[in-house]
Amino acid sequence: MEDIYFSVGMNALLAMVIMLLSVYLAWVLLQELKLEVFLKQPKGRRAILLRLMLAVAIGYLFSRFVLDYWEWSASLRLLVE
């Protein structure tokens, strides 16, 4: 029973790390976009908050894709058992 708790805890830790890394990666990549064209004050607080929200949204979607794909590929071995 203790192994199950450890496995669930490790999966949660891995999901959190992948989520944070994905948000950070999205933040770094969003810095390459020229959003100044679309924003009135590109250096203002609202612009930074918008970039942060975009990074969280994109990072979340990317990390869910990675985690779901990992789960699906792990479930495929149940077909051959």
N, C-alpha and C. Protein backbone atom coordinates (compact mmCIF):
# COMPACT_ATOMS: atom_id res chain seq x y z
N MET A 1 0.82 -1.19 0.00
CA MET A 1 0.00 0.00 0.00
C MET A 1 0.86 1.26 0.00
N GLU A 2 1.98 1.17 0.69
CA GLU A 2 2.88 2.32 0.74
C GLU A 2 3.48 2.63 -0.63
N ASP A 3 3.67 1.60 -1.44
CA ASP A 3 4.20 1.80 -2.78
C ASP A 3 3.24 2.61 -3.65
N ILE A 4 1.96 2.40 -3.44
CA ILE A 4 0.95 3.13 -4.22
C ILE A 4 1.00 4.61 -3.86
N TYR A 5 1.10 4.90 -2.57
CA TYR A 5 1.18 6.30 -2.15
C TYR A 5 2.43 6.97 -2.70
N PHE A 6 3.53 6.24 -2.67
CA PHE A 6 4.78 6.79 -3.20
C PHE A 6 4.66 7.05 -4.70
N SER A 7 4.04 6.12 -5.41
CA SER A 7 3.87 6.27 -6.86
C SER A 7 2.98 7.46 -7.20
N VAL A 8 1.89 7.61 -6.47
CA VAL A 8 0.99 8.74 -6.70
C VAL A 8 1.70 10.05 -6.39
N GLY A 9 2.46 10.07 -5.29
CA GLY A 9 3.21 11.28 -4.92
C GLY A 9 4.26 11.64 -5.96
N MET A 10 4.96 10.65 -6.48
CA MET A 10 5.98 10.92 -7.50
C MET A 10 5.33 11.42 -8.79
N ASN A 11 4.19 10.84 -9.16
CA ASN A 11 3.48 11.32 -10.35
C ASN A 11 3.04 12.76 -10.19
N ALA A 12 2.57 13.12 -8.99
CA ALA A 12 2.15 14.50 -8.73
C ALA A 12 3.35 15.45 -8.80
N LEU A 13 4.46 15.04 -8.21
CA LEU A 13 5.67 15.86 -8.25
C LEU A 13 6.15 16.05 -9.68
N LEU A 14 6.16 14.98 -10.45
CA LEU A 14 6.57 15.06 -11.85
C LEU A 14 5.64 15.98 -12.65
N ALA A 15 4.35 15.88 -12.41
CA ALA A 15 3.38 16.73 -13.12
C ALA A 15 3.61 18.20 -12.77
N MET A 16 3.90 18.49 -11.51
CA MET A 16 4.15 19.87 -11.11
C MET A 16 5.41 20.42 -11.76
N VAL A 17 6.46 19.61 -11.80
CA VAL A 17 7.72 20.05 -12.41
C VAL A 17 7.53 20.29 -13.90
N ILE A 18 6.86 19.37 -14.57
CA ILE A 18 6.62 19.54 -16.00
C ILE A 18 5.76 20.78 -16.26
N MET A 19 4.77 21.02 -15.41
CA MET A 19 3.91 22.19 -15.57
C MET A 19 4.72 23.48 -15.42
N LEU A 20 5.53 23.56 -14.38
CA LEU A 20 6.32 24.77 -14.15
C LEU A 20 7.34 25.00 -15.26
N LEU A 21 7.98 23.93 -15.70
CA LEU A 21 8.94 24.06 -16.80
C LEU A 21 8.26 24.50 -18.10
N SER A 22 7.06 24.01 -18.33
CA SER A 22 6.31 24.39 -19.53
C SER A 22 5.91 25.86 -19.49
N VAL A 23 5.48 26.33 -18.33
CA VAL A 23 5.12 27.74 -18.19
C VAL A 23 6.36 28.61 -18.38
N TYR A 24 7.48 28.21 -17.80
CA TYR A 24 8.73 28.96 -17.97
C TYR A 24 9.15 28.99 -19.44
N LEU A 25 9.06 27.85 -20.10
CA LEU A 25 9.41 27.79 -21.52
C LEU A 25 8.50 28.69 -22.35
N ALA A 26 7.21 28.67 -22.05
CA ALA A 26 6.28 29.55 -22.78
C ALA A 26 6.60 31.01 -22.52
N TRP A 27 6.98 31.36 -21.28
CA TRP A 27 7.35 32.74 -20.93
C TRP A 27 8.56 33.17 -21.75
N VAL A 28 9.57 32.31 -21.81
CA VAL A 28 10.79 32.64 -22.56
C VAL A 28 10.47 32.80 -24.05
N LEU A 29 9.66 31.92 -24.58
CA LEU A 29 9.33 32.00 -26.00
C LEU A 29 8.44 33.20 -26.31
N LEU A 30 7.59 33.59 -25.38
CA LEU A 30 6.74 34.76 -25.61
C LEU A 30 7.56 36.06 -25.63
N GLN A 31 8.72 36.04 -25.02
CA GLN A 31 9.58 37.23 -25.05
C GLN A 31 10.08 37.51 -26.46
N GLU A 32 10.09 36.48 -27.30
CA GLU A 32 10.55 36.64 -28.68
C GLU A 32 9.50 37.26 -29.59
N LEU A 33 8.25 37.26 -29.17
CA LEU A 33 7.19 37.85 -29.98
C LEU A 33 7.18 39.37 -29.82
N LYS A 34 6.88 40.05 -30.88
CA LYS A 34 6.77 41.51 -30.83
C LYS A 34 5.32 41.89 -30.54
N LEU A 35 4.99 41.82 -29.27
CA LEU A 35 3.64 42.17 -28.86
C LEU A 35 3.44 43.67 -28.75
N GLU A 36 4.52 44.44 -28.89
CA GLU A 36 4.43 45.90 -28.79
C GLU A 36 3.46 46.48 -29.82
N VAL A 37 3.33 45.78 -30.93
CA VAL A 37 2.46 46.25 -32.01
C VAL A 37 1.01 46.26 -31.55
N PHE A 38 0.65 45.32 -30.69
CA PHE A 38 -0.75 45.17 -30.27
C PHE A 38 -1.08 45.86 -28.95
N LEU A 39 -0.06 46.34 -28.24
CA LEU A 39 -0.28 46.90 -26.91
C LEU A 39 -0.03 48.40 -26.90
N LYS A 40 -0.82 49.11 -26.11
CA LYS A 40 -0.63 50.56 -25.99
C LYS A 40 0.63 50.88 -25.19
N GLN A 41 0.80 50.19 -24.09
CA GLN A 41 1.98 50.39 -23.23
C GLN A 41 2.67 49.05 -23.04
N PRO A 42 3.57 48.70 -23.93
CA PRO A 42 4.18 47.37 -23.89
C PRO A 42 5.05 47.11 -22.66
N LYS A 43 5.48 48.14 -21.96
CA LYS A 43 6.30 47.95 -20.75
C LYS A 43 5.48 48.09 -19.47
N GLY A 44 4.19 48.31 -19.60
CA GLY A 44 3.34 48.53 -18.43
C GLY A 44 3.00 47.23 -17.70
N ARG A 45 2.37 47.40 -16.54
CA ARG A 45 2.00 46.24 -15.73
C ARG A 45 0.99 45.35 -16.42
N ARG A 46 0.05 45.96 -17.12
CA ARG A 46 -0.98 45.16 -17.81
C ARG A 46 -0.37 44.31 -18.91
N ALA A 47 0.61 44.83 -19.61
CA ALA A 47 1.27 44.07 -20.66
C ALA A 47 2.04 42.90 -20.08
N ILE A 48 2.69 43.13 -18.94
CA ILE A 48 3.44 42.04 -18.29
C ILE A 48 2.46 40.99 -17.77
N LEU A 49 1.35 41.43 -17.21
CA LEU A 49 0.33 40.49 -16.73
C LEU A 49 -0.26 39.69 -17.89
N LEU A 50 -0.47 40.35 -19.03
CA LEU A 50 -0.98 39.65 -20.20
C LEU A 50 0.01 38.59 -20.66
N ARG A 51 1.30 38.92 -20.70
CA ARG A 51 2.32 37.94 -21.08
C ARG A 51 2.35 36.76 -20.11
N LEU A 52 2.22 37.08 -18.82
CA LEU A 52 2.21 36.03 -17.81
C LEU A 52 1.01 35.11 -17.98
N MET A 53 -0.15 35.69 -18.22
CA MET A 53 -1.36 34.88 -18.42
C MET A 53 -1.26 34.04 -19.68
N LEU A 54 -0.71 34.61 -20.74
CA LEU A 54 -0.49 33.83 -21.96
C LEU A 54 0.50 32.69 -21.73
N ALA A 55 1.54 32.96 -20.97
CA ALA A 55 2.54 31.93 -20.67
C ALA A 55 1.92 30.80 -19.86
N VAL A 56 1.09 31.15 -18.89
CA VAL A 56 0.43 30.12 -18.08
C VAL A 56 -0.53 29.29 -18.93
N ALA A 57 -1.30 29.96 -19.77
CA ALA A 57 -2.26 29.24 -20.62
C ALA A 57 -1.55 28.32 -21.61
N ILE A 58 -0.55 28.84 -22.30
CA ILE A 58 0.17 28.04 -23.28
C ILE A 58 0.96 26.93 -22.59
N GLY A 59 1.61 27.26 -21.48
CA GLY A 59 2.36 26.26 -20.73
C GLY A 59 1.47 25.15 -20.21
N TYR A 60 0.28 25.52 -19.73
CA TYR A 60 -0.66 24.51 -19.24
C TYR A 60 -1.08 23.57 -20.36
N LEU A 61 -1.43 24.13 -21.50
CA LEU A 61 -1.86 23.29 -22.62
C LEU A 61 -0.74 22.36 -23.07
N PHE A 62 0.47 22.88 -23.15
CA PHE A 62 1.60 22.05 -23.57
C PHE A 62 1.89 20.95 -22.55
N SER A 63 1.88 21.30 -21.27
CA SER A 63 2.18 20.29 -20.25
C SER A 63 1.08 19.24 -20.18
N ARG A 64 -0.18 19.64 -20.36
CA ARG A 64 -1.26 18.63 -20.39
C ARG A 64 -1.06 17.68 -21.55
N PHE A 65 -0.64 18.20 -22.70
CA PHE A 65 -0.37 17.33 -23.84
C PHE A 65 0.72 16.33 -23.50
N VAL A 66 1.82 16.82 -22.92
CA VAL A 66 2.94 15.94 -22.58
C VAL A 66 2.52 14.90 -21.55
N LEU A 67 1.84 15.32 -20.51
CA LEU A 67 1.43 14.38 -19.47
C LEU A 67 0.39 13.38 -19.96
N ASP A 68 -0.56 13.84 -20.76
CA ASP A 68 -1.55 12.92 -21.33
C ASP A 68 -0.89 11.92 -22.26
N TYR A 69 0.02 12.40 -23.09
CA TYR A 69 0.72 11.50 -24.01
C TYR A 69 1.51 10.44 -23.24
N TRP A 70 2.16 10.88 -22.17
CA TRP A 70 2.92 9.96 -21.34
C TRP A 70 1.99 8.90 -20.72
N GLU A 71 0.85 9.34 -20.23
CA GLU A 71 -0.12 8.42 -19.63
C GLU A 71 -0.66 7.44 -20.66
N TRP A 72 -0.97 7.94 -21.85
CA TRP A 72 -1.49 7.05 -22.90
C TRP A 72 -0.45 6.03 -23.32
N SER A 73 0.79 6.47 -23.47
CA SER A 73 1.83 5.53 -23.89
C SER A 73 2.09 4.49 -22.80
N ALA A 74 1.97 4.88 -21.53
CA ALA A 74 2.12 3.91 -20.45
C ALA A 74 0.95 2.93 -20.43
N SER A 75 -0.23 3.39 -20.81
CA SER A 75 -1.40 2.52 -20.83
C SER A 75 -1.37 1.53 -21.99
N LEU A 76 -0.59 1.84 -23.02
CA LEU A 76 -0.55 0.93 -24.17
C LEU A 76 0.04 -0.43 -23.83
N ARG A 77 0.90 -0.47 -22.83
CA ARG A 77 1.48 -1.79 -22.48
C ARG A 77 0.44 -2.71 -21.87
N LEU A 78 -0.69 -2.16 -21.44
CA LEU A 78 -1.77 -3.01 -20.92
C LEU A 78 -2.41 -3.84 -22.04
N LEU A 79 -2.22 -3.41 -23.27
CA LEU A 79 -2.76 -4.18 -24.40
C LEU A 79 -2.06 -5.50 -24.59
N VAL A 80 -0.79 -5.54 -24.26
CA VAL A 80 -0.02 -6.76 -24.52
C VAL A 80 0.13 -7.65 -23.29
N GLU A 81 -0.36 -7.20 -22.15
CA GLU A 81 -0.26 -8.04 -20.94
C GLU A 81 -1.39 -9.02 -20.86
